[in-house]
C-alpha atoms as a PDB file:
ATOM      1  CA  GLN A   1      29.764  81.747  11.508  1.00  0.00           C
ATOM      2  CA  VAL A   2      33.105  82.831  10.152  1.00  0.00           C
ATOM      3  CA  GLN A   3      33.126  85.061   7.079  1.00  0.00           C
ATOM      4  CA  LEU A   4      36.148  86.044   4.980  1.00  0.00           C
ATOM      5  CA  VAL A   5      35.816  88.638   2.237  1.00  0.00           C
ATOM      6  CA  GLU A   6      38.629  89.312  -0.224  1.00  0.00           C
ATOM      7  CA  SER A   7      39.070  92.491  -2.236  1.00  0.00           C
ATOM      8  CA  GLY A   8      41.673  94.195  -4.383  1.00  0.00           C
ATOM      9  CA  GLY A   9      41.924  91.866  -7.354  1.00  0.00           C
ATOM     10  CA  GLY A  10      41.942  93.082 -10.923  1.00  0.00           C
ATOM     11  CA  LEU A  11      43.811  93.345 -14.193  1.00  0.00           C
ATOM     12  CA  VAL A  12      47.412  94.574 -14.212  1.00  0.00           C
ATOM     13  CA  GLN A  13      50.298  94.551 -16.656  1.00  0.00           C
ATOM     14  CA  ALA A  14      53.364  92.432 -16.062  1.00  0.00           C
ATOM     15  CA  GLY A  15      55.704  94.193 -13.659  1.00  0.00           C
ATOM     16  CA  GLY A  16      52.853  95.950 -11.904  1.00  0.00           C
ATOM     17  CA  SER A  17      51.508  95.678  -8.369  1.00  0.00           C
ATOM     18  CA  LEU A  18      48.282  94.843  -6.586  1.00  0.00           C
ATOM     19  CA  ARG A  19      47.286  94.708  -2.941  1.00  0.00           C
ATOM     20  CA  LEU A  20      44.742  92.162  -1.791  1.00  0.00           C
ATOM     21  CA  SER A  21      42.808  92.460   1.454  1.00  0.00           C
ATOM     22  CA  CYS A  22      40.901  89.852   3.418  1.00  0.00           C
ATOM     23  CA  ALA A  23      38.511  91.086   6.069  1.00  0.00           C
ATOM     24  CA  ALA A  24      37.235  88.606   8.633  1.00  0.00           C
ATOM     25  CA  SER A  25      34.078  88.782  10.689  1.00  0.00           C
ATOM     26  CA  GLY A  26      32.200  86.572  13.050  1.00  0.00           C
ATOM     27  CA  ARG A  27      34.764  86.113  15.811  1.00  0.00           C
ATOM     28  CA  THR A  28      38.321  86.934  16.873  1.00  0.00           C
ATOM     29  CA  PHE A  29      41.050  85.521  14.606  1.00  0.00           C
ATOM     30  CA  SER A  30      44.192  86.884  16.201  1.00  0.00           C
ATOM     31  CA  ASN A  31      45.401  83.566  17.645  1.00  0.00           C
ATOM     32  CA  TYR A  32      45.401  81.595  14.407  1.00  0.00           C
ATOM     33  CA  VAL A  33      47.503  81.318  11.261  1.00  0.00           C
ATOM     34  CA  ARG A  34      46.054  82.964   8.177  1.00  0.00           C
ATOM     35  CA  GLY A  35      47.110  82.569   4.581  1.00  0.00           C
ATOM     36  CA  TRP A  36      46.653  83.132   0.883  1.00  0.00           C
ATOM     37  CA  PHE A  37      46.282  80.473  -1.780  1.00  0.00           C
ATOM     38  CA  ARG A  38      45.700  80.709  -5.515  1.00  0.00           C
ATOM     39  CA  GLN A  39      44.128  78.563  -8.185  1.00  0.00           C
ATOM     40  CA  ALA A  40      44.675  78.875 -11.913  1.00  0.00           C
ATOM     41  CA  PRO A  41      42.203  77.327 -14.389  1.00  0.00           C
ATOM     42  CA  GLY A  42      42.561  73.558 -14.528  1.00  0.00           C
ATOM     43  CA  LYS A  43      45.090  73.469 -11.698  1.00  0.00           C
ATOM     44  CA  GLU A  44      45.054  72.676  -8.001  1.00  0.00           C
ATOM     45  CA  ARG A  45      44.792  75.300  -5.303  1.00  0.00           C
ATOM     46  CA  ASP A  46      48.348  76.239  -4.304  1.00  0.00           C
ATOM     47  CA  PHE A  47      49.809  77.869  -1.237  1.00  0.00           C
ATOM     48  CA  VAL A  48      51.115  81.422  -1.649  1.00  0.00           C
ATOM     49  CA  ALA A  49      51.856  82.855   1.801  1.00  0.00           C
ATOM     50  CA  GLY A  50      51.021  82.390   5.459  1.00  0.00           C
ATOM     51  CA  ILE A  51      51.373  84.453   8.603  1.00  0.00           C
ATOM     52  CA  SER A  52      51.218  83.700  12.308  1.00  0.00           C
ATOM     53  CA  TYR A  53      49.141  85.639  14.815  1.00  0.00           C
ATOM     54  CA  ASN A  54      52.225  87.684  15.766  1.00  0.00           C
ATOM     55  CA  GLY A  55      53.221  88.471  12.192  1.00  0.00           C
ATOM     56  CA  VAL A  56      55.825  85.845  11.293  1.00  0.00           C
ATOM     57  CA  ALA A  57      55.454  85.131   7.575  1.00  0.00           C
ATOM     58  CA  TYR A  58      56.385  82.300   5.226  1.00  0.00           C
ATOM     59  CA  TYR A  59      56.105  82.065   1.447  1.00  0.00           C
ATOM     60  CA  ALA A  60      56.018  79.785  -1.540  1.00  0.00           C
ATOM     61  CA  ASP A  61      59.318  79.868  -3.412  1.00  0.00           C
ATOM     62  CA  SER A  62      57.569  81.186  -6.523  1.00  0.00           C
ATOM     63  CA  VAL A  63      56.580  84.446  -4.822  1.00  0.00           C
ATOM     64  CA  LYS A  64      59.390  84.964  -2.308  1.00  0.00           C
ATOM     65  CA  GLY A  65      60.892  88.412  -2.678  1.00  0.00           C
ATOM     66  CA  ARG A  66      57.918  89.715  -4.691  1.00  0.00           C
ATOM     67  CA  PHE A  67      54.918  89.222  -2.382  1.00  0.00           C
ATOM     68  CA  THR A  68      54.497  90.377   1.214  1.00  0.00           C
ATOM     69  CA  ILE A  69      51.824  89.137   3.599  1.00  0.00           C
ATOM     70  CA  SER A  70      50.846  91.185   6.632  1.00  0.00           C
ATOM     71  CA  ARG A  71      48.013  91.340   9.131  1.00  0.00           C
ATOM     72  CA  ASP A  72      46.253  93.847  11.344  1.00  0.00           C
ATOM     73  CA  ASN A  73      44.656  91.936  14.207  1.00  0.00           C
ATOM     74  CA  THR A  74      42.796  95.029  15.416  1.00  0.00           C
ATOM     75  CA  LYS A  75      40.949  95.051  12.095  1.00  0.00           C
ATOM     76  CA  ASN A  76      40.824  91.258  11.645  1.00  0.00           C
ATOM     77  CA  THR A  77      42.357  91.855   8.209  1.00  0.00           C
ATOM     78  CA  VAL A  78      45.173  90.208   6.277  1.00  0.00           C
ATOM     79  CA  TYR A  79      46.883  91.777   3.279  1.00  0.00           C
ATOM     80  CA  LEU A  80      48.910  90.474   0.362  1.00  0.00           C
ATOM     81  CA  GLN A  81      51.093  93.037  -1.379  1.00  0.00           C
ATOM     82  CA  MET A  82      52.062  91.688  -4.788  1.00  0.00           C
ATOM     83  CA  ASN A  83      54.885  93.379  -6.687  1.00  0.00           C
ATOM     84  CA  SER A  84      56.694  92.544  -9.931  1.00  0.00           C
ATOM     85  CA  LEU A  85      53.699  90.551 -11.074  1.00  0.00           C
ATOM     86  CA  LYS A  86      54.119  87.991 -13.840  1.00  0.00           C
ATOM     87  CA  PRO A  87      51.567  86.431 -16.212  1.00  0.00           C
ATOM     88  CA  GLU A  88      52.006  83.146 -14.358  1.00  0.00           C
ATOM     89  CA  ASP A  89      50.623  84.836 -11.223  1.00  0.00           C
ATOM     90  CA  THR A  90      47.215  84.948 -12.917  1.00  0.00           C
ATOM     91  CA  ALA A  91      44.733  83.031 -10.774  1.00  0.00           C
ATOM     92  CA  VAL A  92      41.844  83.309  -8.379  1.00  0.00           C
ATOM     93  CA  TYR A  93      43.340  84.238  -5.009  1.00  0.00           C
ATOM     94  CA  TYR A  94      41.726  82.853  -1.871  1.00  0.00           C
ATOM     95  CA  CYS A  95      42.055  83.994   1.699  1.00  0.00           C
ATOM     96  CA  ALA A  96      42.248  81.240   4.323  1.00  0.00           C
ATOM     97  CA  ALA A  97      42.059  81.299   8.111  1.00  0.00           C
ATOM     98  CA  ASP A  98      41.960  79.376  11.355  1.00  0.00           C
ATOM     99  CA  SER A  99      44.951  77.112  10.934  1.00  0.00           C
ATOM    100  CA  ALA A 100      46.611  76.002  14.159  1.00  0.00           C
ATOM    101  CA  THR A 101      49.847  75.086  12.336  1.00  0.00           C
ATOM    102  CA  TRP A 102      52.362  77.781  11.436  1.00  0.00           C
ATOM    103  CA  GLY A 103      54.336  76.778   8.374  1.00  0.00           C
ATOM    104  CA  THR A 104      51.663  74.595   6.848  1.00  0.00           C
ATOM    105  CA  ARG A 105      51.036  74.814   3.110  1.00  0.00           C
ATOM    106  CA  GLN A 106      48.153  72.377   3.057  1.00  0.00           C
ATOM    107  CA  VAL A 107      44.665  73.388   1.987  1.00  0.00           C
ATOM    108  CA  ASP A 108      43.153  70.979   4.499  1.00  0.00           C
ATOM    109  CA  ASP A 109      44.833  72.739   7.432  1.00  0.00           C
ATOM    110  CA  PHE A 110      42.735  75.861   6.892  1.00  0.00           C
ATOM    111  CA  PRO A 111      39.062  75.376   7.868  1.00  0.00           C
ATOM    112  CA  SER A 112      37.833  78.805   6.752  1.00  0.00           C
ATOM    113  CA  TRP A 113      37.900  80.258   3.221  1.00  0.00           C
ATOM    114  CA  GLY A 114      36.835  83.348   1.332  1.00  0.00           C
ATOM    115  CA  GLN A 115      35.073  83.363  -2.004  1.00  0.00           C
ATOM    116  CA  GLY A 116      38.159  84.359  -3.988  1.00  0.00           C
ATOM    117  CA  THR A 117      39.220  87.363  -6.044  1.00  0.00           C
ATOM    118  CA  GLN A 118      40.509  87.252  -9.615  1.00  0.00           C
ATOM    119  CA  VAL A 119      43.999  88.507 -10.416  1.00  0.00           C
ATOM    120  CA  THR A 120      44.929  88.741 -14.081  1.00  0.00           C
ATOM    121  CA  VAL A 121      48.407  89.754 -15.216  1.00  0.00           C
ATOM    122  CA  SER A 122      48.790  90.623 -18.879  1.00  0.00           C
ATOM    123  CA  SER A 123      52.054  90.271 -20.758  1.00  0.00           C
END
């Protein structure tokens, strides 16, 4: 059974930074694409960033230049460094794993999900 556990969410003022972590357990994840999505109240779950097993990243246009995704395969952990945060970044952030398709932004392409962590950016 695959388990993903996110941490690092919280409340921050606009312009601030947060770093999210997603620790995986259950089996080796190094050969699959992992990603981050977010969901604001009343909205669909949207793609934020993805990363291949060898560290090649891709981003949603709304976060490009502000967010950085990275991974440590030895620790089975993926990170999302979020800088210059805006109120519109407020959402529950979800870690996703096990996609076989680098570049995908589709929820359905990620079979494994964490429980989510709340990020709130105040103006």
